[in-house]
Amino acid sequence: MPLAIELVAGRVASYGIGRTAELLDERLAALWPGQRTAPPRQKTLQATLDWSYGQLSELERLLLRPLAVFVGHFSLDAALSVVSDGAFPEALVFEAFDNLITKSMVATRPAGAAM
């Protein structure tokens, strides 16, 4: 998230807050270039996401892909319903899902007593 904030903040002076927000809604921030001196994996948000995805285990990738059906927030039960096909023990699925959260590939937020 810090890279995304840095990329967006660098555009506010050029586009203004309103237009920058519109561009974010259009997902263009993923292509905006960062600092020239940054490592290649940090030059754009897309490069960072690609690099981060490459760091995932095969099980983590298998769990992350079906989560793309969600637009916005989803519950753990909803996530498990789209990723759990019984091919892996439930304990491994929970561990991999926890790893996705730890690696910032899935974000959590409180929803009452749950996340």
N, C-alpha and C. Protein backbone atom coordinates (compact mmCIF):
# COMPACT_ATOMS: atom_id res chain seq x y z
N MET A 1 0.80 -1.20 0.00
CA MET A 1 0.00 0.00 0.00
C MET A 1 0.85 1.27 0.00
N PRO A 2 2.00 1.32 0.69
CA PRO A 2 2.79 2.55 0.66
C PRO A 2 3.21 2.95 -0.76
N LEU A 3 3.53 1.97 -1.61
CA LEU A 3 3.92 2.31 -2.99
C LEU A 3 2.74 2.93 -3.72
N ALA A 4 1.55 2.39 -3.55
CA ALA A 4 0.37 2.94 -4.20
C ALA A 4 0.13 4.37 -3.75
N ILE A 5 0.27 4.62 -2.46
CA ILE A 5 0.08 5.98 -1.93
C ILE A 5 1.13 6.92 -2.53
N GLU A 6 2.36 6.45 -2.61
CA GLU A 6 3.44 7.28 -3.17
C GLU A 6 3.16 7.59 -4.65
N LEU A 7 2.73 6.61 -5.41
CA LEU A 7 2.44 6.83 -6.82
C LEU A 7 1.29 7.81 -7.01
N VAL A 8 0.26 7.67 -6.20
CA VAL A 8 -0.90 8.56 -6.30
C VAL A 8 -0.54 9.97 -5.85
N ALA A 9 0.16 10.09 -4.74
CA ALA A 9 0.51 11.41 -4.21
C ALA A 9 1.33 12.21 -5.23
N GLY A 10 2.14 11.54 -5.99
CA GLY A 10 2.94 12.21 -7.01
C GLY A 10 2.12 12.77 -8.15
N ARG A 11 0.88 12.35 -8.30
CA ARG A 11 0.02 12.81 -9.40
C ARG A 11 -0.93 13.93 -9.00
N VAL A 12 -1.15 14.13 -7.71
CA VAL A 12 -2.12 15.13 -7.25
C VAL A 12 -1.75 16.52 -7.75
N ALA A 13 -0.47 16.86 -7.75
CA ALA A 13 -0.05 18.20 -8.21
C ALA A 13 -0.39 18.41 -9.68
N SER A 14 -0.34 17.36 -10.47
CA SER A 14 -0.62 17.47 -11.91
C SER A 14 -2.10 17.42 -12.23
N TYR A 15 -2.83 16.53 -11.56
CA TYR A 15 -4.22 16.28 -11.93
C TYR A 15 -5.25 16.85 -10.95
N GLY A 16 -4.81 17.20 -9.76
CA GLY A 16 -5.75 17.61 -8.72
C GLY A 16 -6.34 16.39 -8.04
N ILE A 17 -6.92 16.60 -6.88
CA ILE A 17 -7.43 15.47 -6.09
C ILE A 17 -8.59 14.77 -6.80
N GLY A 18 -9.52 15.55 -7.33
CA GLY A 18 -10.69 14.95 -7.98
C GLY A 18 -10.34 14.08 -9.16
N ARG A 19 -9.53 14.61 -10.07
CA ARG A 19 -9.15 13.83 -11.27
C ARG A 19 -8.28 12.65 -10.89
N THR A 20 -7.41 12.81 -9.90
CA THR A 20 -6.58 11.68 -9.45
C THR A 20 -7.47 10.57 -8.92
N ALA A 21 -8.50 10.92 -8.17
CA ALA A 21 -9.44 9.91 -7.66
C ALA A 21 -10.14 9.20 -8.81
N GLU A 22 -10.52 9.96 -9.85
CA GLU A 22 -11.15 9.34 -11.03
C GLU A 22 -10.20 8.37 -11.71
N LEU A 23 -8.94 8.77 -11.85
CA LEU A 23 -7.95 7.89 -12.47
C LEU A 23 -7.74 6.63 -11.65
N LEU A 24 -7.78 6.76 -10.34
CA LEU A 24 -7.67 5.57 -9.48
C LEU A 24 -8.84 4.63 -9.72
N ASP A 25 -10.03 5.20 -9.87
CA ASP A 25 -11.21 4.37 -10.15
C ASP A 25 -11.07 3.63 -11.46
N GLU A 26 -10.31 4.19 -12.38
CA GLU A 26 -10.09 3.57 -13.69
C GLU A 26 -8.90 2.60 -13.65
N ARG A 27 -8.31 2.43 -12.51
CA ARG A 27 -7.20 1.49 -12.29
C ARG A 27 -5.91 1.88 -13.02
N LEU A 28 -5.79 3.15 -13.38
CA LEU A 28 -4.58 3.58 -14.08
C LEU A 28 -3.37 3.68 -13.16
N ALA A 29 -3.59 3.75 -11.86
CA ALA A 29 -2.46 3.88 -10.93
C ALA A 29 -1.50 2.70 -11.04
N ALA A 30 -2.00 1.55 -11.46
CA ALA A 30 -1.14 0.37 -11.57
C ALA A 30 -0.05 0.57 -12.62
N LEU A 31 -0.27 1.49 -13.55
CA LEU A 31 0.69 1.71 -14.63
C LEU A 31 1.55 2.95 -14.44
N TRP A 32 1.21 3.79 -13.47
CA TRP A 32 1.97 5.01 -13.26
C TRP A 32 3.39 4.70 -12.85
N PRO A 33 4.36 5.34 -13.46
CA PRO A 33 5.75 5.08 -13.08
C PRO A 33 6.11 5.72 -11.74
N GLY A 34 6.96 5.03 -11.00
CA GLY A 34 7.46 5.56 -9.75
C GLY A 34 8.80 6.24 -9.98
N GLN A 35 9.63 6.26 -8.97
CA GLN A 35 10.94 6.90 -9.08
C GLN A 35 11.84 6.12 -10.03
N ARG A 36 12.61 6.85 -10.82
CA ARG A 36 13.52 6.21 -11.78
C ARG A 36 14.56 5.35 -11.08
N THR A 37 14.93 5.70 -9.85
CA THR A 37 15.99 4.99 -9.14
C THR A 37 15.46 3.79 -8.35
N ALA A 38 14.16 3.57 -8.38
CA ALA A 38 13.57 2.45 -7.64
C ALA A 38 13.95 1.13 -8.31
N PRO A 39 14.01 0.05 -7.51
CA PRO A 39 14.23 -1.27 -8.12
C PRO A 39 13.12 -1.56 -9.12
N PRO A 40 13.38 -2.35 -10.14
CA PRO A 40 12.35 -2.64 -11.16
C PRO A 40 11.01 -3.09 -10.58
N ARG A 41 11.04 -3.86 -9.52
CA ARG A 41 9.79 -4.36 -8.94
C ARG A 41 8.98 -3.26 -8.25
N GLN A 42 9.58 -2.08 -8.07
CA GLN A 42 8.89 -0.98 -7.40
C GLN A 42 8.66 0.22 -8.33
N LYS A 43 8.87 0.04 -9.62
CA LYS A 43 8.70 1.16 -10.55
C LYS A 43 7.25 1.45 -10.85
N THR A 44 6.40 0.44 -10.83
CA THR A 44 4.96 0.64 -10.98
C THR A 44 4.25 -0.28 -9.99
N LEU A 45 3.01 0.06 -9.70
CA LEU A 45 2.22 -0.80 -8.83
C LEU A 45 2.02 -2.16 -9.48
N GLN A 46 1.83 -2.19 -10.81
CA GLN A 46 1.66 -3.46 -11.52
C GLN A 46 2.91 -4.33 -11.36
N ALA A 47 4.09 -3.73 -11.48
CA ALA A 47 5.34 -4.50 -11.31
C ALA A 47 5.43 -5.05 -9.90
N THR A 48 5.01 -4.28 -8.91
CA THR A 48 5.04 -4.75 -7.52
C THR A 48 4.08 -5.92 -7.33
N LEU A 49 2.88 -5.79 -7.89
CA LEU A 49 1.91 -6.89 -7.77
C LEU A 49 2.42 -8.15 -8.48
N ASP A 50 3.00 -7.98 -9.66
CA ASP A 50 3.55 -9.13 -10.38
C ASP A 50 4.66 -9.80 -9.57
N TRP A 51 5.54 -9.00 -9.02
CA TRP A 51 6.65 -9.54 -8.21
C TRP A 51 6.10 -10.26 -6.98
N SER A 52 5.14 -9.62 -6.30
CA SER A 52 4.56 -10.23 -5.10
C SER A 52 3.87 -11.54 -5.43
N TYR A 53 3.14 -11.58 -6.54
CA TYR A 53 2.47 -12.81 -6.96
C TYR A 53 3.49 -13.91 -7.22
N GLY A 54 4.62 -13.54 -7.80
CA GLY A 54 5.69 -14.51 -8.06
C GLY A 54 6.31 -15.09 -6.79
N GLN A 55 6.16 -14.40 -5.67
CA GLN A 55 6.71 -14.86 -4.40
C GLN A 55 5.78 -15.85 -3.68
N LEU A 56 4.55 -16.01 -4.18
CA LEU A 56 3.59 -16.89 -3.52
C LEU A 56 3.87 -18.35 -3.82
N SER A 57 3.49 -19.20 -2.88
CA SER A 57 3.57 -20.64 -3.12
C SER A 57 2.47 -21.02 -4.11
N GLU A 58 2.56 -22.20 -4.68
CA GLU A 58 1.54 -22.65 -5.63
C GLU A 58 0.16 -22.71 -4.98
N LEU A 59 0.09 -23.17 -3.74
CA LEU A 59 -1.20 -23.22 -3.05
C LEU A 59 -1.75 -21.82 -2.83
N GLU A 60 -0.90 -20.88 -2.45
CA GLU A 60 -1.35 -19.50 -2.25
C GLU A 60 -1.89 -18.92 -3.56
N ARG A 61 -1.23 -19.23 -4.67
CA ARG A 61 -1.71 -18.76 -5.97
C ARG A 61 -3.05 -19.40 -6.32
N LEU A 62 -3.18 -20.69 -6.04
CA LEU A 62 -4.44 -21.39 -6.31
C LEU A 62 -5.59 -20.80 -5.51
N LEU A 63 -5.31 -20.33 -4.29
CA LEU A 63 -6.34 -19.73 -3.47
C LEU A 63 -6.64 -18.29 -3.88
N LEU A 64 -5.63 -17.57 -4.31
CA LEU A 64 -5.81 -16.15 -4.64
C LEU A 64 -6.62 -15.95 -5.93
N ARG A 65 -6.36 -16.77 -6.94
CA ARG A 65 -7.02 -16.58 -8.24
C ARG A 65 -8.54 -16.55 -8.16
N PRO A 66 -9.19 -17.51 -7.50
CA PRO A 66 -10.66 -17.46 -7.47
C PRO A 66 -11.23 -16.29 -6.67
N LEU A 67 -10.41 -15.67 -5.82
CA LEU A 67 -10.90 -14.53 -5.05
C LEU A 67 -11.18 -13.32 -5.96
N ALA A 68 -10.73 -13.38 -7.20
CA ALA A 68 -10.98 -12.29 -8.14
C ALA A 68 -12.46 -12.14 -8.48
N VAL A 69 -13.28 -13.13 -8.12
CA VAL A 69 -14.72 -13.00 -8.38
C VAL A 69 -15.35 -11.94 -7.49
N PHE A 70 -14.69 -11.60 -6.40
CA PHE A 70 -15.24 -10.61 -5.48
C PHE A 70 -14.85 -9.20 -5.91
N VAL A 71 -15.81 -8.32 -5.92
CA VAL A 71 -15.55 -6.90 -6.14
C VAL A 71 -15.88 -6.24 -4.82
N GLY A 72 -14.86 -5.82 -4.11
CA GLY A 72 -15.08 -5.23 -2.79
C GLY A 72 -14.87 -6.26 -1.69
N HIS A 73 -15.52 -6.01 -0.58
CA HIS A 73 -15.33 -6.83 0.61
C HIS A 73 -16.01 -8.18 0.49
N PHE A 74 -15.46 -9.16 1.21
CA PHE A 74 -16.07 -10.48 1.28
C PHE A 74 -15.73 -11.10 2.62
N SER A 75 -16.54 -12.04 3.04
CA SER A 75 -16.31 -12.72 4.32
C SER A 75 -15.39 -13.91 4.11
N LEU A 76 -14.83 -14.39 5.19
CA LEU A 76 -13.99 -15.58 5.14
C LEU A 76 -14.81 -16.76 4.63
N ASP A 77 -16.05 -16.89 5.08
CA ASP A 77 -16.89 -17.99 4.62
C ASP A 77 -17.12 -17.91 3.11
N ALA A 78 -17.35 -16.69 2.60
CA ALA A 78 -17.53 -16.53 1.15
C ALA A 78 -16.26 -16.90 0.41
N ALA A 79 -15.12 -16.48 0.94
CA ALA A 79 -13.84 -16.82 0.31
C ALA A 79 -13.63 -18.32 0.30
N LEU A 80 -13.90 -18.96 1.41
CA LEU A 80 -13.72 -20.41 1.48
C LEU A 80 -14.65 -21.14 0.52
N SER A 81 -15.83 -20.58 0.30
CA SER A 81 -16.78 -21.25 -0.61
C SER A 81 -16.28 -21.24 -2.05
N VAL A 82 -15.49 -20.24 -2.45
CA VAL A 82 -14.99 -20.22 -3.83
C VAL A 82 -13.62 -20.86 -4.00
N VAL A 83 -12.89 -21.03 -2.91
CA VAL A 83 -11.54 -21.61 -3.04
C VAL A 83 -11.46 -23.05 -2.58
N SER A 84 -12.41 -23.49 -1.81
CA SER A 84 -12.31 -24.82 -1.20
C SER A 84 -13.00 -25.85 -2.07
N ASP A 85 -12.22 -26.70 -2.69
CA ASP A 85 -12.79 -27.77 -3.51
C ASP A 85 -12.51 -29.14 -2.91
N GLY A 86 -11.96 -29.14 -1.70
CA GLY A 86 -11.66 -30.40 -1.02
C GLY A 86 -10.35 -31.04 -1.44
N ALA A 87 -9.62 -30.40 -2.35
CA ALA A 87 -8.35 -30.98 -2.82
C ALA A 87 -7.25 -30.86 -1.77
N PHE A 88 -7.41 -29.92 -0.85
CA PHE A 88 -6.40 -29.70 0.18
C PHE A 88 -7.05 -29.77 1.54
N PRO A 89 -6.32 -30.26 2.54
CA PRO A 89 -6.87 -30.26 3.90
C PRO A 89 -7.20 -28.84 4.35
N GLU A 90 -8.26 -28.71 5.11
CA GLU A 90 -8.73 -27.39 5.56
C GLU A 90 -7.64 -26.62 6.29
N ALA A 91 -6.82 -27.32 7.08
CA ALA A 91 -5.75 -26.65 7.82
C ALA A 91 -4.76 -25.98 6.86
N LEU A 92 -4.45 -26.63 5.74
CA LEU A 92 -3.54 -26.03 4.76
C LEU A 92 -4.18 -24.81 4.08
N VAL A 93 -5.47 -24.90 3.81
CA VAL A 93 -6.18 -23.78 3.20
C VAL A 93 -6.15 -22.57 4.13
N PHE A 94 -6.44 -22.79 5.41
CA PHE A 94 -6.42 -21.68 6.37
C PHE A 94 -5.01 -21.10 6.50
N GLU A 95 -4.01 -21.95 6.52
CA GLU A 95 -2.62 -21.46 6.62
C GLU A 95 -2.26 -20.63 5.39
N ALA A 96 -2.62 -21.11 4.21
CA ALA A 96 -2.32 -20.39 2.98
C ALA A 96 -3.07 -19.06 2.94
N PHE A 97 -4.32 -19.07 3.38
CA PHE A 97 -5.10 -17.83 3.41
C PHE A 97 -4.47 -16.83 4.38
N ASP A 98 -4.03 -17.32 5.53
CA ASP A 98 -3.34 -16.46 6.50
C ASP A 98 -2.07 -15.88 5.89
N ASN A 99 -1.35 -16.69 5.11
CA ASN A 99 -0.14 -16.21 4.45
C ASN A 99 -0.46 -15.11 3.44
N LEU A 100 -1.58 -15.24 2.73
CA LEU A 100 -1.97 -14.19 1.78
C LEU A 100 -2.23 -12.87 2.50
N ILE A 101 -2.81 -12.96 3.68
CA ILE A 101 -3.04 -11.76 4.48
C ILE A 101 -1.72 -11.18 4.96
N THR A 102 -0.85 -12.04 5.47
CA THR A 102 0.46 -11.60 5.96
C THR A 102 1.27 -10.95 4.85
N LYS A 103 1.15 -11.47 3.63
CA LYS A 103 1.90 -10.94 2.49
C LYS A 103 1.18 -9.79 1.80
N SER A 104 0.12 -9.30 2.42
CA SER A 104 -0.66 -8.15 1.91
C SER A 104 -1.26 -8.38 0.53
N MET A 105 -1.54 -9.63 0.19
CA MET A 105 -2.24 -9.93 -1.04
C MET A 105 -3.75 -9.95 -0.83
N VAL A 106 -4.16 -10.09 0.41
CA VAL A 106 -5.56 -9.98 0.83
C VAL A 106 -5.56 -9.08 2.05
N ALA A 107 -6.44 -8.10 2.02
CA ALA A 107 -6.53 -7.16 3.15
C ALA A 107 -7.74 -7.53 4.02
N THR A 108 -7.59 -7.32 5.31
CA THR A 108 -8.69 -7.59 6.22
C THR A 108 -9.23 -6.29 6.80
N ARG A 109 -10.46 -6.37 7.25
CA ARG A 109 -11.06 -5.24 7.97
C ARG A 109 -12.06 -5.82 8.94
N PRO A 110 -12.22 -5.18 10.10
CA PRO A 110 -13.19 -5.70 11.08
C PRO A 110 -14.61 -5.56 10.56
N ALA A 111 -15.39 -6.60 10.83
CA ALA A 111 -16.83 -6.59 10.50
C ALA A 111 -17.55 -7.16 11.71
N GLY A 112 -17.80 -6.31 12.68
CA GLY A 112 -18.37 -6.79 13.94
C GLY A 112 -17.31 -7.56 14.71
N ALA A 113 -17.64 -8.78 15.09
CA ALA A 113 -16.69 -9.62 15.84
C ALA A 113 -15.79 -10.42 14.89
N ALA A 114 -16.02 -10.32 13.59
CA ALA A 114 -15.25 -11.09 12.62
C ALA A 114 -14.35 -10.16 11.81
N MET A 115 -13.55 -10.76 10.95
CA MET A 115 -12.70 -10.00 10.02
C MET A 115 -13.15 -10.30 8.61
